[in-house]
PDB file of all heavy atoms in Angstrom:
ATOM      1  N   LEU A   1     109.743  94.854  79.750  1.00  0.00           N
ATOM      2  CA  LEU A   1     109.765  95.720  80.922  1.00  0.00           C
ATOM      3  C   LEU A   1     109.372  97.148  80.565  1.00  0.00           C
ATOM      4  O   LEU A   1     108.766  97.863  81.370  1.00  0.00           O
ATOM      5  CB  LEU A   1     111.150  95.705  81.562  1.00  0.00           C
ATOM      6  CG  LEU A   1     111.604  94.401  82.207  1.00  0.00           C
ATOM      7  CD1 LEU A   1     113.053  94.509  82.686  1.00  0.00           C
ATOM      8  CD2 LEU A   1     110.692  94.015  83.365  1.00  0.00           C
ATOM      9  N   ALA A   2     109.734  97.577  79.355  1.00  0.00           N
ATOM     10  CA  ALA A   2     109.419  98.935  78.916  1.00  0.00           C
ATOM     11  C   ALA A   2     107.974  99.083  78.453  1.00  0.00           C
ATOM     12  O   ALA A   2     107.518 100.197  78.182  1.00  0.00           O
ATOM     13  CB  ALA A   2     110.365  99.349  77.793  1.00  0.00           C
ATOM     14  N   GLY A   3     107.258  97.969  78.354  1.00  0.00           N
ATOM     15  CA  GLY A   3     105.886  98.025  77.874  1.00  0.00           C
ATOM     16  C   GLY A   3     105.768  98.162  76.369  1.00  0.00           C
ATOM     17  O   GLY A   3     104.692  98.466  75.853  1.00  0.00           O
ATOM     18  N   LEU A   4     106.859  97.930  75.659  1.00  0.00           N
ATOM     19  CA  LEU A   4     106.847  98.055  74.201  1.00  0.00           C
ATOM     20  C   LEU A   4     106.378  96.779  73.523  1.00  0.00           C
ATOM     21  O   LEU A   4     106.069  96.784  72.334  1.00  0.00           O
ATOM     22  CB  LEU A   4     108.243  98.419  73.693  1.00  0.00           C
ATOM     23  CG  LEU A   4     108.809  99.730  74.253  1.00  0.00           C
ATOM     24  CD1 LEU A   4     110.221  99.949  73.743  1.00  0.00           C
ATOM     25  CD2 LEU A   4     107.913 100.902  73.870  1.00  0.00           C
ATOM     26  N   ARG A   5     106.342  95.708  74.266  1.00  0.00           N
ATOM     27  CA  ARG A   5     105.866  94.425  73.760  1.00  0.00           C
ATOM     28  C   ARG A   5     104.996  93.796  74.847  1.00  0.00           C
ATOM     29  O   ARG A   5     105.320  93.890  76.030  1.00  0.00           O
ATOM     30  CB  ARG A   5     107.060  93.518  73.439  1.00  0.00           C
ATOM     31  CG  ARG A   5     106.702  92.233  72.708  1.00  0.00           C
ATOM     32  CD  ARG A   5     107.898  91.298  72.683  1.00  0.00           C
ATOM     33  NE  ARG A   5     109.008  91.814  71.914  1.00  0.00           N
ATOM     34  CZ  ARG A   5     109.226  91.534  70.628  1.00  0.00           C
ATOM     35  NH1 ARG A   5     108.377  90.762  69.982  1.00  0.00           N
ATOM     36  NH2 ARG A   5     110.278  92.018  70.023  1.00  0.00           N
ATOM     37  N   ALA A   6     103.911  93.184  74.445  1.00  0.00           N
ATOM     38  CA  ALA A   6     103.008  92.559  75.408  1.00  0.00           C
ATOM     39  C   ALA A   6     103.394  91.097  75.606  1.00  0.00           C
ATOM     40  O   ALA A   6     103.617  90.378  74.631  1.00  0.00           O
ATOM     41  CB  ALA A   6     101.568  92.648  74.923  1.00  0.00           C
ATOM     42  N   PRO A   7     103.480  90.630  76.840  1.00  0.00           N
ATOM     43  CA  PRO A   7     103.812  89.226  77.082  1.00  0.00           C
ATOM     44  C   PRO A   7     102.622  88.323  76.760  1.00  0.00           C
ATOM     45  O   PRO A   7     101.470  88.761  76.771  1.00  0.00           O
ATOM     46  CB  PRO A   7     104.144  89.204  78.572  1.00  0.00           C
ATOM     47  CG  PRO A   7     103.293  90.294  79.154  1.00  0.00           C
ATOM     48  CD  PRO A   7     103.259  91.372  78.104  1.00  0.00           C
ATOM     49  N   ASP A   8     102.911  87.063  76.506  1.00  0.00           N
ATOM     50  CA  ASP A   8     101.837  86.075  76.363  1.00  0.00           C
ATOM     51  C   ASP A   8     101.236  85.738  77.720  1.00  0.00           C
ATOM     52  O   ASP A   8     100.061  85.367  77.819  1.00  0.00           O
ATOM     53  CB  ASP A   8     102.377  84.800  75.698  1.00  0.00           C
ATOM     54  CG  ASP A   8     102.813  85.039  74.261  1.00  0.00           C
ATOM     55  OD1 ASP A   8     102.123  85.796  73.561  1.00  0.00           O
ATOM     56  OD2 ASP A   8     103.845  84.487  73.859  1.00  0.00           O
ATOM     57  N   ALA A   9     102.040  85.826  78.751  1.00  0.00           N
ATOM     58  CA  ALA A   9     101.577  85.583  80.119  1.00  0.00           C
ATOM     59  C   ALA A   9     102.420  86.411  81.065  1.00  0.00           C
ATOM     60  O   ALA A   9     103.538  86.814  80.735  1.00  0.00           O
ATOM     61  CB  ALA A   9     101.676  84.097  80.468  1.00  0.00           C
ATOM     62  N   GLY A  10     101.885  86.671  82.256  1.00  0.00           N
ATOM     63  CA  GLY A  10     102.598  87.471  83.223  1.00  0.00           C
ATOM     64  C   GLY A  10     102.230  88.942  83.122  1.00  0.00           C
ATOM     65  O   GLY A  10     101.382  89.348  82.317  1.00  0.00           O
ATOM     66  N   SER A  11     102.867  89.769  83.937  1.00  0.00           N
ATOM     67  CA  SER A  11     102.522  91.188  83.985  1.00  0.00           C
ATOM     68  C   SER A  11     103.731  92.024  84.356  1.00  0.00           C
ATOM     69  O   SER A  11     104.695  91.538  84.942  1.00  0.00           O
ATOM     70  CB  SER A  11     101.400  91.431  84.999  1.00  0.00           C
ATOM     71  OG  SER A  11     101.818  91.050  86.301  1.00  0.00           O
ATOM     72  N   VAL A  12     103.671  93.299  83.981  1.00  0.00           N
ATOM     73  CA  VAL A  12     104.668  94.297  84.354  1.00  0.00           C
ATOM     74  C   VAL A  12     103.948  95.414  85.098  1.00  0.00           C
ATOM     75  O   VAL A  12     102.898  95.889  84.643  1.00  0.00           O
ATOM     76  CB  VAL A  12     105.398  94.856  83.118  1.00  0.00           C
ATOM     77  CG1 VAL A  12     106.373  95.966  83.530  1.00  0.00           C
ATOM     78  CG2 VAL A  12     106.126  93.757  82.366  1.00  0.00           C
ATOM     79  N   HIS A  13     104.500  95.823  86.227  1.00  0.00           N
ATOM     80  CA  HIS A  13     103.913  96.894  87.019  1.00  0.00           C
ATOM     81  C   HIS A  13     104.892  98.060  87.120  1.00  0.00           C
ATOM     82  O   HIS A  13     106.065  97.869  87.440  1.00  0.00           O
ATOM     83  CB  HIS A  13     103.543  96.403  88.421  1.00  0.00           C
ATOM     84  CG  HIS A  13     102.319  95.544  88.438  1.00  0.00           C
ATOM     85  ND1 HIS A  13     102.295  94.276  87.900  1.00  0.00           N
ATOM     86  CD2 HIS A  13     101.065  95.784  88.923  1.00  0.00           C
ATOM     87  CE1 HIS A  13     101.088  93.761  88.050  1.00  0.00           C
ATOM     88  NE2 HIS A  13     100.326  94.641  88.665  1.00  0.00           N
ATOM     89  N   LEU A  14     104.384  99.241  86.836  1.00  0.00           N
ATOM     90  CA  LEU A  14     105.147 100.484  86.931  1.00  0.00           C
ATOM     91  C   LEU A  14     104.553 101.300  88.066  1.00  0.00           C
ATOM     92  O   LEU A  14     103.345 101.619  88.044  1.00  0.00           O
ATOM     93  CB  LEU A  14     105.060 101.246  85.607  1.00  0.00           C
ATOM     94  CG  LEU A  14     105.745 102.615  85.522  1.00  0.00           C
ATOM     95  CD1 LEU A  14     107.253 102.492  85.706  1.00  0.00           C
ATOM     96  CD2 LEU A  14     105.421 103.289  84.178  1.00  0.00           C
ATOM     97  N   ASP A  15     105.354 101.596  89.071  1.00  0.00           N
ATOM     98  CA  ASP A  15     104.870 102.315  90.259  1.00  0.00           C
ATOM     99  C   ASP A  15     103.629 101.653  90.848  1.00  0.00           C
ATOM    100  O   ASP A  15     102.673 102.326  91.262  1.00  0.00           O
ATOM    101  CB  ASP A  15     104.581 103.776  89.931  1.00  0.00           C
ATOM    102  CG  ASP A  15     105.845 104.615  89.823  1.00  0.00           C
ATOM    103  OD1 ASP A  15     106.892 104.163  90.335  1.00  0.00           O
ATOM    104  OD2 ASP A  15     105.792 105.699  89.231  1.00  0.00           O
ATOM    105  N   GLY A  16     103.623 100.323  90.868  1.00  0.00           N
ATOM    106  CA  GLY A  16     102.551  99.580  91.513  1.00  0.00           C
ATOM    107  C   GLY A  16     101.306  99.360  90.679  1.00  0.00           C
ATOM    108  O   GLY A  16     100.377  98.674  91.126  1.00  0.00           O
ATOM    109  N   ARG A  17     101.259  99.921  89.468  1.00  0.00           N
ATOM    110  CA  ARG A  17     100.105  99.735  88.583  1.00  0.00           C
ATOM    111  C   ARG A  17     100.538  98.964  87.345  1.00  0.00           C
ATOM    112  O   ARG A  17     101.656  99.112  86.868  1.00  0.00           O
ATOM    113  CB  ARG A  17      99.536 101.091  88.135  1.00  0.00           C
ATOM    114  CG  ARG A  17      98.887 101.912  89.218  1.00  0.00           C
ATOM    115  CD  ARG A  17      98.513 103.295  88.700  1.00  0.00           C
ATOM    116  NE  ARG A  17      97.650 103.243  87.537  1.00  0.00           N
ATOM    117  CZ  ARG A  17      97.378 104.312  86.769  1.00  0.00           C
ATOM    118  NH1 ARG A  17      97.954 105.484  87.031  1.00  0.00           N
ATOM    119  NH2 ARG A  17      96.581 104.198  85.739  1.00  0.00           N
ATOM    120  N   ASP A  18      99.608  98.164  86.823  1.00  0.00           N
ATOM    121  CA  ASP A  18      99.880  97.469  85.575  1.00  0.00           C
ATOM    122  C   ASP A  18     100.325  98.495  84.537  1.00  0.00           C
ATOM    123  O   ASP A  18      99.695  99.550  84.376  1.00  0.00           O
ATOM    124  CB  ASP A  18      98.630  96.737  85.096  1.00  0.00           C
ATOM    125  CG  ASP A  18      98.922  95.775  83.952  1.00  0.00           C
ATOM    126  OD1 ASP A  18      99.389  96.239  82.887  1.00  0.00           O
ATOM    127  OD2 ASP A  18      98.688  94.566  84.123  1.00  0.00           O
ATOM    128  N   ILE A  19     101.402  98.191  83.838  1.00  0.00           N
ATOM    129  CA  ILE A  19     101.969  99.176  82.906  1.00  0.00           C
ATOM    130  C   ILE A  19     100.978  99.554  81.817  1.00  0.00           C
ATOM    131  O   ILE A  19     101.033 100.653  81.261  1.00  0.00           O
ATOM    132  CB  ILE A  19     103.300  98.641  82.313  1.00  0.00           C
ATOM    133  CG1 ILE A  19     104.116  99.798  81.724  1.00  0.00           C
ATOM    134  CG2 ILE A  19     103.047  97.532  81.289  1.00  0.00           C
ATOM    135  CD1 ILE A  19     105.546  99.430  81.416  1.00  0.00           C
ATOM    136  N   ARG A  20     100.029  98.676  81.528  1.00  0.00           N
ATOM    137  CA  ARG A  20      99.027  98.968  80.500  1.00  0.00           C
ATOM    138  C   ARG A  20      98.008  99.994  80.978  1.00  0.00           C
ATOM    139  O   ARG A  20      97.260 100.550  80.161  1.00  0.00           O
ATOM    140  CB  ARG A  20      98.316  97.678  80.086  1.00  0.00           C
ATOM    141  CG  ARG A  20      99.230  96.668  79.398  1.00  0.00           C
ATOM    142  CD  ARG A  20      98.562  95.317  79.254  1.00  0.00           C
ATOM    143  NE  ARG A  20      98.270  94.725  80.570  1.00  0.00           N
ATOM    144  CZ  ARG A  20      97.743  93.530  80.729  1.00  0.00           C
ATOM    145  NH1 ARG A  20      97.433  92.784  79.674  1.00  0.00           N
ATOM    146  NH2 ARG A  20      97.508  93.064  81.954  1.00  0.00           N
ATOM    147  N   ALA A  21      97.958 100.248  82.288  1.00  0.00           N
ATOM    148  CA  ALA A  21      97.009 101.212  82.834  1.00  0.00           C
ATOM    149  C   ALA A  21      97.485 102.652  82.667  1.00  0.00           C
ATOM    150  O   ALA A  21      96.694 103.591  82.809  1.00  0.00           O
ATOM    151  CB  ALA A  21      96.742 100.923  84.312  1.00  0.00           C
ATOM    152  N   TRP A  22      98.762 102.824  82.388  1.00  0.00           N
ATOM    153  CA  TRP A  22      99.311 104.164  82.167  1.00  0.00           C
ATOM    154  C   TRP A  22      99.122 104.562  80.704  1.00  0.00           C
ATOM    155  O   TRP A  22      99.251 103.737  79.808  1.00  0.00           O
ATOM    156  CB  TRP A  22     100.803 104.204  82.490  1.00  0.00           C
ATOM    157  CG  TRP A  22     101.169 103.896  83.904  1.00  0.00           C
ATOM    158  CD1 TRP A  22     101.620 102.703  84.395  1.00  0.00           C
ATOM    159  CD2 TRP A  22     101.136 104.785  85.019  1.00  0.00           C
ATOM    160  NE1 TRP A  22     101.879 102.780  85.739  1.00  0.00           N
ATOM    161  CE2 TRP A  22     101.584 104.047  86.157  1.00  0.00           C
ATOM    162  CE3 TRP A  22     100.777 106.120  85.174  1.00  0.00           C
ATOM    163  CZ2 TRP A  22     101.678 104.619  87.415  1.00  0.00           C
ATOM    164  CZ3 TRP A  22     100.868 106.694  86.436  1.00  0.00           C
ATOM    165  CH2 TRP A  22     101.315 105.952  87.539  1.00  0.00           C
ATOM    166  N   SER A  23      98.862 105.829  80.466  1.00  0.00           N
ATOM    167  CA  SER A  23      98.882 106.320  79.088  1.00  0.00           C
ATOM    168  C   SER A  23     100.315 106.330  78.582  1.00  0.00           C
ATOM    169  O   SER A  23     101.266 106.273  79.367  1.00  0.00           O
ATOM    170  CB  SER A  23      98.295 107.730  79.014  1.00  0.00           C
ATOM    171  OG  SER A  23      99.179 108.673  79.629  1.00  0.00           O
ATOM    172  N   ALA A  24     100.470 106.405  77.263  1.00  0.00           N
ATOM    173  CA  ALA A  24     101.814 106.410  76.687  1.00  0.00           C
ATOM    174  C   ALA A  24     102.630 107.580  77.228  1.00  0.00           C
ATOM    175  O   ALA A  24     103.822 107.435  77.516  1.00  0.00           O
ATOM    176  CB  ALA A  24     101.732 106.475  75.166  1.00  0.00           C
TER     177      ALA A  24
END
């Protein structure tokens, strides 16, 4: 959920955007 580990499948969204789209 914190984006510290990447899932093998599925996604996490932070404020409606994929968490990977945000800079650190």
